[in-house]
Protein backbone atom coordinates (compact mmCIF):
# COMPACT_ATOMS: atom_id res chain seq x y z
CA MET A 1 136.97 62.44 84.22
CA LEU A 2 134.69 63.58 87.27
CA LEU A 3 133.98 67.18 88.58
CA ASP A 4 134.70 67.41 92.21
CA LEU A 5 131.72 68.80 94.18
CA ASP A 6 134.35 70.80 96.52
CA HIS A 7 135.71 72.52 93.47
CA LEU A 8 132.03 73.31 92.41
CA ARG A 9 131.21 74.78 95.87
CA SER A 10 134.16 77.09 95.47
CA PHE A 11 133.21 77.49 91.88
CA VAL A 12 129.57 78.72 92.73
CA ALA A 13 130.84 81.02 95.79
CA ALA A 14 133.28 82.71 93.05
CA ALA A 15 130.38 83.07 90.75
CA ASP A 16 128.40 84.59 93.24
CA SER A 17 130.91 87.22 94.44
CA LEU A 18 132.92 87.58 91.31
CA ASN A 19 135.69 87.92 93.93
CA PHE A 20 138.12 84.86 94.53
CA SER A 21 138.94 86.63 98.11
CA ASP A 22 135.38 86.85 99.03
CA ALA A 23 134.93 83.54 97.57
CA GLY A 24 137.71 81.94 99.87
CA ARG A 25 135.94 83.72 103.01
CA ARG A 26 132.64 82.11 102.26
CA VAL A 27 134.08 78.69 102.09
CA GLY A 28 136.84 78.65 104.53
CA ARG A 29 139.75 78.75 101.89
CA VAL A 30 142.42 81.16 101.04
CA GLN A 31 142.39 82.84 97.56
CA SER A 32 145.20 81.04 96.12
CA ALA A 33 143.37 77.75 97.00
CA ILE A 34 140.31 79.28 95.25
CA SER A 35 142.28 80.03 92.20
CA ALA A 36 143.78 76.45 92.21
CA GLN A 37 140.35 74.85 92.14
CA ILE A 38 138.80 77.16 89.54
CA LYS A 39 141.96 76.29 87.31
CA ALA A 40 141.26 72.52 88.02
CA LEU A 41 137.72 72.84 87.11
CA GLU A 42 138.77 74.90 83.53
CA GLU A 43 141.47 71.75 82.81
CA THR A 44 138.72 69.20 83.60
CA THR A 45 136.04 71.07 81.45
CA GLY A 46 138.43 72.43 78.77
CA GLN A 47 136.60 75.65 79.17
CA THR A 48 137.94 79.04 80.74
CA LEU A 49 135.40 79.92 83.48
CA PHE A 50 135.88 83.56 84.14
CA ASP A 51 136.96 86.38 82.16
CA ARG A 52 139.73 87.97 84.34
CA GLY A 53 140.96 90.74 81.77
CA ARG A 54 143.13 93.34 83.18
CA GLY A 55 141.79 96.47 84.39
CA LYS A 56 138.20 94.99 83.97
CA PRO A 57 135.64 93.19 86.36
CA MET A 58 135.81 89.56 86.62
CA VAL A 59 132.68 88.14 85.00
CA LEU A 60 131.53 84.81 84.04
CA THR A 61 132.08 83.53 80.30
CA PRO A 62 129.35 81.44 78.55
CA ALA A 63 130.92 78.30 79.62
CA GLY A 64 130.89 79.59 83.06
CA GLU A 65 127.17 80.43 82.86
CA LYS A 66 126.36 76.85 82.07
CA LEU A 67 128.27 75.50 84.64
CA LEU A 68 126.75 77.33 87.14
CA ALA A 69 123.18 75.98 86.42
CA HIS A 70 124.88 72.58 86.42
CA ALA A 71 127.01 72.98 89.77
CA ASN A 72 123.80 74.51 91.70
CA LYS A 73 121.85 71.37 90.88
CA MET A 74 124.72 68.95 91.70
CA LEU A 75 125.30 70.79 94.98
CA ARG A 76 121.74 70.87 95.87
CA LEU A 77 121.18 67.17 94.95
CA ASN A 78 123.97 66.31 97.27
CA ALA A 79 122.68 67.94 100.01
CA MET A 80 119.30 66.68 99.81
CA THR A 81 120.61 63.26 99.51
CA LEU A 82 122.98 63.56 102.88
CA SER A 83 119.69 65.26 104.18
CA ASP A 84 117.70 62.38 103.49
CA LEU A 85 119.99 59.66 104.59
CA ARG A 86 120.94 61.66 107.83
CA GLN A 87 117.25 62.66 108.78
CA ASP A 88 116.20 61.52 112.01
CA ALA A 89 112.47 60.62 111.37
CA ALA A 90 111.52 60.94 115.31
CA ARG A 91 112.44 64.76 115.29
CA LYS A 92 112.03 67.09 112.54
CA ALA A 93 112.62 71.11 112.34
CA PHE A 94 112.04 73.89 109.93
CA SER A 95 112.96 77.47 110.02
CA VAL A 96 111.33 80.08 107.89
CA GLY A 97 111.95 83.79 108.24
CA THR A 98 110.58 86.87 106.82
CA THR A 99 110.14 90.71 107.29
CA GLU A 100 107.43 92.08 109.56
CA THR A 101 105.61 93.18 106.53
CA TYR A 102 105.10 89.72 105.17
CA ALA A 103 104.78 88.23 108.56
CA LEU A 104 101.65 90.40 109.28
CA SER A 105 99.89 89.83 105.65
CA ILE A 106 101.37 86.89 103.41
CA LEU A 107 102.95 84.51 105.86
CA PRO A 108 100.01 83.22 107.75
CA ARG A 109 98.27 81.58 104.66
CA MET A 110 101.74 79.87 104.25
CA LEU A 111 102.29 78.71 107.60
CA SER A 112 98.61 77.12 108.01
CA GLN A 113 99.10 74.90 105.00
CA PHE A 114 102.35 73.90 105.87
CA ALA A 115 101.47 73.15 109.22
CA SER A 116 98.41 71.09 108.35
CA ARG A 117 100.58 69.06 105.88
CA TYR A 118 103.55 68.31 108.64
CA PRO A 119 101.94 68.34 112.03
CA ASP A 120 105.05 66.76 113.31
CA VAL A 121 107.37 69.54 112.40
CA ASP A 122 108.78 71.87 114.89
CA LEU A 123 108.29 75.29 113.07
CA THR A 124 110.31 78.36 114.16
CA VAL A 125 109.53 81.66 112.47
CA ILE A 126 111.88 84.65 112.64
CA CYS A 127 111.27 88.30 111.66
CA GLY A 128 113.89 90.68 110.61
CA THR A 129 115.22 92.91 107.96
CA SER A 130 116.18 91.28 104.46
CA LEU A 131 119.97 91.68 105.16
CA GLU A 132 119.59 89.88 108.28
CA LEU A 133 117.65 87.08 107.10
CA LEU A 134 119.90 86.55 104.27
CA ALA A 135 123.06 86.39 106.52
CA LEU A 136 121.11 83.75 108.59
CA VAL A 137 120.54 81.55 105.54
CA GLU A 138 124.13 82.20 104.41
CA ARG A 139 125.18 80.75 107.95
CA ARG A 140 122.75 78.02 107.82
CA ASP A 141 121.17 79.03 110.79
CA LEU A 142 117.89 79.61 108.71
CA ASP A 143 116.41 77.04 106.15
CA LEU A 144 114.20 79.62 104.13
CA ALA A 145 113.93 83.31 103.87
CA ILE A 146 110.92 85.01 102.28
CA VAL A 147 111.59 88.74 101.33
CA THR A 148 111.53 91.26 98.86
CA ASP A 149 113.80 90.61 95.70
CA GLN A 150 117.46 91.36 96.64
CA PRO A 151 120.49 91.57 94.32
CA LYS A 152 121.81 88.23 95.52
CA SER A 153 120.76 85.46 93.05
CA GLU A 154 122.10 82.38 94.70
CA GLY A 155 119.23 80.23 96.03
CA LYS A 156 116.49 82.34 95.02
CA VAL A 157 112.99 81.15 93.81
CA LEU A 158 110.16 83.51 92.83
CA ILE A 159 107.28 83.40 94.96
CA TYR A 160 104.92 86.12 93.72
CA GLU A 161 105.16 89.46 91.87
CA ASP A 162 103.06 92.29 93.46
CA GLU A 163 102.46 95.90 93.02
CA LEU A 164 103.36 98.86 95.48
CA VAL A 165 100.87 100.95 96.23
CA TRP A 166 100.14 104.33 98.26
CA VAL A 167 97.87 103.63 101.40
CA ALA A 168 96.00 105.87 103.93
CA SER A 169 92.99 106.05 106.04
CA PRO A 170 89.71 106.78 104.29
CA ARG A 171 89.39 109.69 106.80
CA LEU A 172 92.62 111.33 105.74
CA HIS A 173 92.41 114.02 103.02
CA VAL A 174 95.68 115.90 101.96
CA GLY A 175 95.47 118.75 99.65
CA THR A 176 97.75 118.79 96.33
CA GLU A 177 99.42 121.95 97.51
CA GLU A 178 100.52 121.04 101.09
CA PRO A 179 103.41 118.77 101.80
CA LEU A 180 102.38 115.03 102.01
CA PRO A 181 102.65 113.50 105.79
CA LEU A 182 104.48 110.60 105.56
CA ALA A 183 104.87 107.40 107.50
CA PHE A 184 107.91 105.13 107.08
CA MET A 185 110.43 102.65 108.90
CA PRO A 186 113.96 104.41 109.00
CA ALA A 187 116.28 105.04 105.97
CA GLY A 188 117.32 101.64 104.58
CA CYS A 189 113.71 100.46 104.00
CA GLU A 190 113.04 99.83 99.90
CA PHE A 191 109.65 100.90 100.13
CA ARG A 192 110.54 104.30 101.84
CA SER A 193 113.39 104.75 99.42
CA ARG A 194 111.21 104.30 96.38
CA ALA A 195 108.32 106.17 97.58
CA LEU A 196 110.64 109.33 98.29
CA SER A 197 112.31 109.00 94.88
CA ALA A 198 108.89 108.85 93.18
CA LEU A 199 107.80 111.85 94.85
CA ASP A 200 111.17 113.93 94.38
CA LYS A 201 110.94 113.24 90.65
CA VAL A 202 107.44 114.73 90.46
CA GLY A 203 108.42 117.50 92.49
CA ARG A 204 105.69 116.48 94.97
CA THR A 205 106.69 117.92 98.60
CA TRP A 206 106.73 115.97 101.57
CA ARG A 207 107.16 115.68 105.29
CA MET A 208 108.27 112.50 107.17
CA THR A 209 105.41 113.03 109.91
CA VAL A 210 106.22 109.29 111.68
CA ASN A 211 109.35 107.20 111.66
CA SER A 212 108.90 103.96 113.08
CA LEU A 213 111.29 100.98 113.71
CA SER A 214 108.62 98.36 112.45
CA PRO A 215 105.54 98.17 110.16
CA THR A 216 103.10 98.05 113.10
CA GLY A 217 104.15 101.34 114.01
CA VAL A 218 103.73 102.53 110.23
CA ARG A 219 100.26 100.81 110.22
CA ALA A 220 99.09 102.54 113.65
CA ALA A 221 100.11 106.07 112.00
CA ILE A 222 97.81 105.23 108.84
CA ARG A 223 94.85 104.06 111.38
CA ALA A 224 95.28 107.41 113.40
CA ASP A 225 94.89 109.64 110.22
CA LEU A 226 98.51 110.87 110.67
CA ALA A 227 100.15 109.79 107.45
CA ILE A 228 100.35 107.87 104.16
CA SER A 229 102.50 105.25 103.33
CA VAL A 230 103.69 102.40 100.85
CA MET A 231 103.26 98.67 100.89
CA PRO A 232 102.54 95.60 98.59
CA ALA A 233 98.87 95.28 97.50
CA ALA A 234 98.92 92.02 99.32
CA SER A 235 99.78 93.71 102.59
CA VAL A 236 96.71 96.09 102.41
CA GLU A 237 94.25 95.90 105.43
CA LYS A 238 90.56 96.17 104.32
CA ASP A 239 89.95 99.55 106.29
CA TYR A 240 92.55 101.19 104.31
CA GLN A 241 92.15 103.28 101.03
CA VAL A 242 94.36 102.93 98.20
CA LEU A 243 95.49 106.01 96.50
CA SER A 244 96.69 106.39 93.01
CA THR A 245 97.72 108.89 90.29
CA THR A 246 94.22 110.66 90.34
CA ASP A 247 95.12 111.58 93.87
CA GLY A 248 98.26 113.21 92.93
CA LEU A 249 100.58 110.40 93.50
CA PRO A 250 103.04 109.00 91.38
CA ALA A 251 103.04 105.47 90.20
CA LEU A 252 105.41 102.97 92.05
CA LYS A 253 107.32 100.21 90.14
CA GLY A 254 106.21 96.66 91.41
CA ILE A 255 108.15 94.28 93.45
CA ARG A 256 109.09 90.38 93.66
CA ILE A 257 108.68 88.51 96.60
CA VAL A 258 111.24 85.47 96.71
CA SER A 259 112.53 82.95 98.81
CA TYR A 260 116.09 82.50 99.59
CA ARG A 261 117.71 79.29 100.81
CA HIS A 262 121.40 78.00 101.17
CA PRO A 263 121.93 75.88 97.79
CA GLU A 264 123.90 73.57 99.83
CA ALA A 265 121.21 72.94 102.44
CA ALA A 266 118.15 71.95 100.45
CA ASN A 267 115.79 69.39 101.90
CA THR A 268 112.23 68.55 101.00
CA LEU A 269 110.52 70.77 103.78
CA SER A 270 112.05 73.80 102.01
CA ASP A 271 110.91 72.27 98.44
CA ASP A 272 107.18 71.82 99.66
CA PHE A 273 107.13 75.21 101.89
CA ILE A 274 108.22 77.22 98.37
CA SER A 275 105.58 75.08 96.59
CA LEU A 276 103.06 76.29 99.16
CA ALA A 277 103.94 79.60 98.90
CA THR A 278 103.70 79.97 95.20
CA LYS A 279 100.39 78.43 95.43
CA ALA A 280 99.26 80.49 98.13
CA PHE A 281 98.76 83.48 95.81
């Protein structure tokens, strides 16, 4: 008996969303078609793949978890095979997206090595929010996204684990009794939400001195001695000072920098970029 790749594609979508309707929208099928494909897989494997108990959220069974690992590999191998066979040797293109924070700090070292290895590849770099970039990957409009770890698990590879640190101009001194002047991107920025939550937990007062739509504005506020902010240690400029608990600031949990790619759009360029990225640190 053979596993059907089309059925596996629907299964992976259902496993990622844990909702047959959402899975259907992702693969362009109605919910009943997804249910039929999952049932066909269960008959082929002789295993129940989802626990769909009445009144309980749907979850993968142990057999479903095992099949998911194999399904991702099979779909990726299928995509790589087709990509290699269809690849036009005369013209290659590769697109990578990341947030502005990482574009200003960690991305250059990756791009330099990649460009040296593939001088014939047309490289496109896109900056945006993590959610915007993941949407582009989902639509296959972007080969690879380098972002802070997101709940989505499909197609994820760990690049680097880093600390989140408080930073300020060396000339800025803030007393422990006065509100802490802050500079961040608007609500929705993960660094902002983590910082404010940590300050509120220890009862440290603060005021949002600068709201900026981009990390460039945040860095300008730091250099102008207006405020402090939070960023990954790998993004800290040489002329910043790093603050800590001795300065009356709460410790922050670390972050994971990961890559996301569509599991059915894998190719050797993505593999090599991820490899170079993990070695860049």
